[in-house]
Protein backbone atom coordinates (compact mmCIF):
# COMPACT_ATOMS: atom_id res chain seq x y z
CA MET A 1 128.08 39.41 130.56
CA LYS A 2 130.50 39.03 127.69
CA THR A 3 132.64 41.34 125.60
CA SER A 4 130.95 42.92 122.60
CA PRO A 5 132.30 42.23 119.11
CA VAL A 6 132.28 46.03 118.66
CA GLN A 7 134.90 47.86 120.71
CA MET A 8 135.40 51.63 120.94
CA LEU A 9 139.15 52.18 121.20
CA GLN A 10 139.16 55.97 121.38
CA LEU A 11 136.69 58.86 121.55
CA VAL A 12 137.50 62.51 120.96
CA PHE A 13 135.35 65.62 121.02
CA ASN A 14 136.50 68.08 118.37
CA LYS A 15 133.95 70.67 119.45
CA ILE A 16 131.58 71.04 122.39
CA ASN A 17 129.42 74.15 122.42
CA VAL A 18 126.48 74.30 124.82
CA GLU A 19 125.02 77.76 125.42
CA HIS A 20 122.14 78.89 127.58
CA ASN A 21 119.42 80.48 125.46
CA VAL A 22 117.63 83.00 127.68
CA GLU A 23 114.95 83.62 125.07
CA HIS A 24 113.70 80.02 125.33
CA THR A 25 114.15 79.40 129.06
CA PRO A 26 110.90 78.76 130.96
CA GLU A 27 110.11 81.19 133.78
CA SER A 28 110.20 78.35 136.29
CA ALA A 29 112.20 75.19 135.84
CA PRO A 30 110.04 72.08 135.34
CA ASN A 31 110.11 69.40 138.01
CA PRO A 32 112.12 66.49 136.53
CA LEU A 33 110.20 64.02 138.72
CA THR A 34 106.80 64.99 137.35
CA SER A 35 107.40 66.36 133.86
CA VAL A 36 108.88 64.63 130.84
CA PHE A 37 110.37 66.51 127.91
CA THR A 38 109.98 64.35 124.78
CA PHE A 39 111.88 66.46 122.23
CA ASP A 40 108.95 66.21 119.77
CA GLY A 41 109.14 69.26 117.52
CA VAL A 42 112.64 70.33 118.60
CA PRO A 43 114.84 71.02 115.56
CA ILE A 44 117.63 68.48 116.10
CA THR A 45 120.11 67.45 113.42
CA THR A 46 122.50 64.53 113.72
CA GLU A 47 124.97 63.56 111.00
CA VAL A 48 126.88 60.29 111.16
CA SER A 49 129.59 59.09 108.80
CA THR A 50 131.82 56.02 108.80
CA VAL A 51 135.17 55.46 107.11
CA GLY A 52 137.21 52.25 107.03
CA VAL A 53 140.65 52.92 108.53
CA ASP A 54 142.32 49.50 108.57
CA THR A 55 140.51 46.43 107.27
CA THR A 56 143.54 44.19 107.86
CA HIS A 57 144.09 44.91 111.58
CA GLU A 58 145.29 41.85 113.49
CA HIS A 59 142.13 41.79 115.66
CA GLY A 60 139.53 42.72 113.05
CA GLN A 61 138.58 45.86 111.15
CA LEU A 62 139.06 49.48 112.30
CA TYR A 63 136.59 52.24 111.45
CA LEU A 64 136.40 55.93 112.20
CA VAL A 65 132.85 56.98 113.08
CA ALA A 66 132.09 60.71 113.17
CA MET A 67 129.02 62.46 114.56
CA HIS A 68 127.86 66.05 114.37
CA PHE A 69 124.97 66.98 116.67
CA ASN A 70 123.16 70.31 116.54
CA VAL A 71 120.20 71.94 118.26
CA GLY A 72 119.99 75.48 116.92
CA ASN A 73 116.35 76.19 117.86
CA GLU A 74 115.80 77.36 114.29
CA HIS A 75 112.50 76.16 112.85
CA SER A 76 111.36 76.18 109.26
CA GLU A 77 108.52 78.63 108.72
CA ALA A 78 106.20 75.78 107.65
CA LYS A 79 105.99 74.23 111.12
CA SER A 80 102.85 75.15 113.02
CA SER A 81 103.92 74.07 116.52
CA LYS A 82 107.40 75.12 117.52
CA VAL A 83 109.18 73.61 120.51
CA TYR A 84 112.46 75.02 121.81
CA LEU A 85 115.21 73.99 124.19
CA PRO A 86 116.66 76.47 126.67
CA TYR A 87 120.03 75.70 125.03
CA THR A 88 121.77 75.79 121.69
CA ILE A 89 124.07 72.82 121.23
CA ASP A 90 126.73 72.09 118.63
CA ILE A 91 129.01 69.08 119.13
CA ASP A 92 131.45 67.17 116.89
CA ALA A 93 132.85 63.84 118.05
CA LYS A 94 134.78 60.96 116.51
CA ALA A 95 135.42 57.42 117.67
CA LEU A 96 137.83 54.74 116.56
CA VAL A 97 135.83 51.51 116.51
CA LEU A 98 137.20 47.97 116.20
CA ILE A 99 134.98 45.24 114.77
CA LEU A 100 136.44 42.01 116.08
CA GLN A 101 137.13 39.05 113.80
CA GLY A 102 134.09 36.79 113.50
CA ALA A 103 131.58 39.62 113.97
CA GLU A 104 130.74 39.53 110.27
CA LYS A 105 128.33 36.66 111.02
CA LEU A 106 126.12 39.27 112.79
CA ASP A 107 126.13 41.90 110.02
CA THR A 108 128.60 43.62 107.72
CA PRO A 109 131.49 45.16 109.64
CA GLU A 110 130.60 48.61 108.26
CA ASN A 111 127.00 48.30 109.49
CA LEU A 112 128.21 47.16 112.91
CA ALA A 113 130.69 50.05 113.10
CA THR A 114 128.15 52.66 112.01
CA VAL A 115 125.17 51.63 114.14
CA ASN A 116 127.10 50.67 117.27
CA GLY A 117 129.75 53.38 116.90
CA ALA A 118 127.03 56.05 116.65
CA SER A 119 125.35 54.62 119.75
CA LEU A 120 128.62 54.69 121.70
CA ILE A 121 129.31 58.30 120.66
CA TRP A 122 125.71 59.30 121.47
CA SER A 123 126.05 57.87 124.99
CA ALA A 124 129.17 59.95 125.63
CA LEU A 125 127.57 63.01 124.07
CA ARG A 126 124.44 62.60 126.25
CA ASP A 127 126.59 62.42 129.35
CA GLN A 128 128.55 65.57 128.40
CA VAL A 129 125.37 67.56 127.72
CA LEU A 130 123.83 66.49 131.04
CA THR A 131 127.02 67.33 132.94
CA LEU A 132 127.37 70.77 131.36
CA THR A 133 123.71 71.78 131.62
CA SER A 134 123.34 70.62 135.21
CA ARG A 135 125.13 73.84 136.28
CA MET A 136 123.39 76.14 133.79
CA PRO A 137 120.39 78.40 134.41
CA GLY A 138 118.11 76.39 132.07
CA GLY A 139 118.52 73.30 134.25
CA PRO A 140 119.87 69.84 133.45
CA LEU A 141 119.09 68.48 130.00
CA MET A 142 119.07 64.74 129.33
CA LEU A 143 119.07 64.01 125.61
CA PRO A 144 116.65 61.29 124.53
CA THR A 145 117.52 57.64 124.22
CA VAL A 146 117.74 56.92 120.51
CA THR A 147 118.40 54.16 118.03
CA PHE A 148 120.68 54.33 115.02
CA HIS A 149 119.31 51.26 113.22
CA ASP A 150 118.01 53.55 110.46
CA LEU A 151 121.65 54.06 109.43
CA ARG A 152 121.95 50.36 108.64
CA ASP A 153 121.83 49.53 104.98
CA SER A 154 119.90 46.33 104.27
CA ASN A 155 121.97 45.82 101.10
CA GLY A 156 125.05 45.19 103.19
CA SER A 157 126.69 48.60 103.39
CA THR A 158 125.91 51.71 105.35
CA ARG A 159 125.33 55.12 103.86
CA LYS A 160 128.64 56.72 102.97
CA GLN A 161 127.37 60.31 103.11
CA PRO A 162 126.24 61.92 106.38
CA LYS A 163 122.47 61.81 106.81
CA ALA A 164 120.43 64.33 108.76
CA ILE A 165 118.07 62.60 111.17
CA ASN A 166 115.86 63.87 113.94
CA LYS A 167 116.59 62.08 117.15
CA GLY A 168 113.22 63.02 118.60
CA ARG A 169 110.76 60.43 119.77
CA ARG A 170 109.63 59.54 116.25
CA GLY A 171 113.02 59.65 114.53
CA SER A 172 111.76 61.67 111.55
CA THR A 173 114.06 63.60 109.22
CA THR A 174 114.59 67.28 109.99
CA THR A 175 114.40 69.91 107.34
């Protein structure tokens, strides 16, 4: 094991809202040992943005990575199969990420901050949702494992504007 060239220095949650949605709660809770919820068809929106904070830091480059995550259970009318969670979720989080000197040989510092910073925030967000829902009537909810490589810009810089992406199994864009 060795230290990563991407270090999260601080993480803050600006907003955590997880509410039980009685309308979409199954009559009997599924057995987590025998059933798997894949999130396919669930209307999930995740927005990620990255801003350079200090590119001349003594240890590397500092970035602020922000994430907004929302499950509102609101489908567009065009969808034929609608899948719902027993919760509505709305979370805003930010992380201060340090890209250590020398990491630029792996990718651009902004790409490293965006992709890895989003992954670090997502891990903390997943843990918070599981912790909160484990004591709620709809039962514990484990958000899916996801990748943020689609935020990487092959031209050497990440997208500056937040992008809505579905973190379901296929990673398709929500509408």
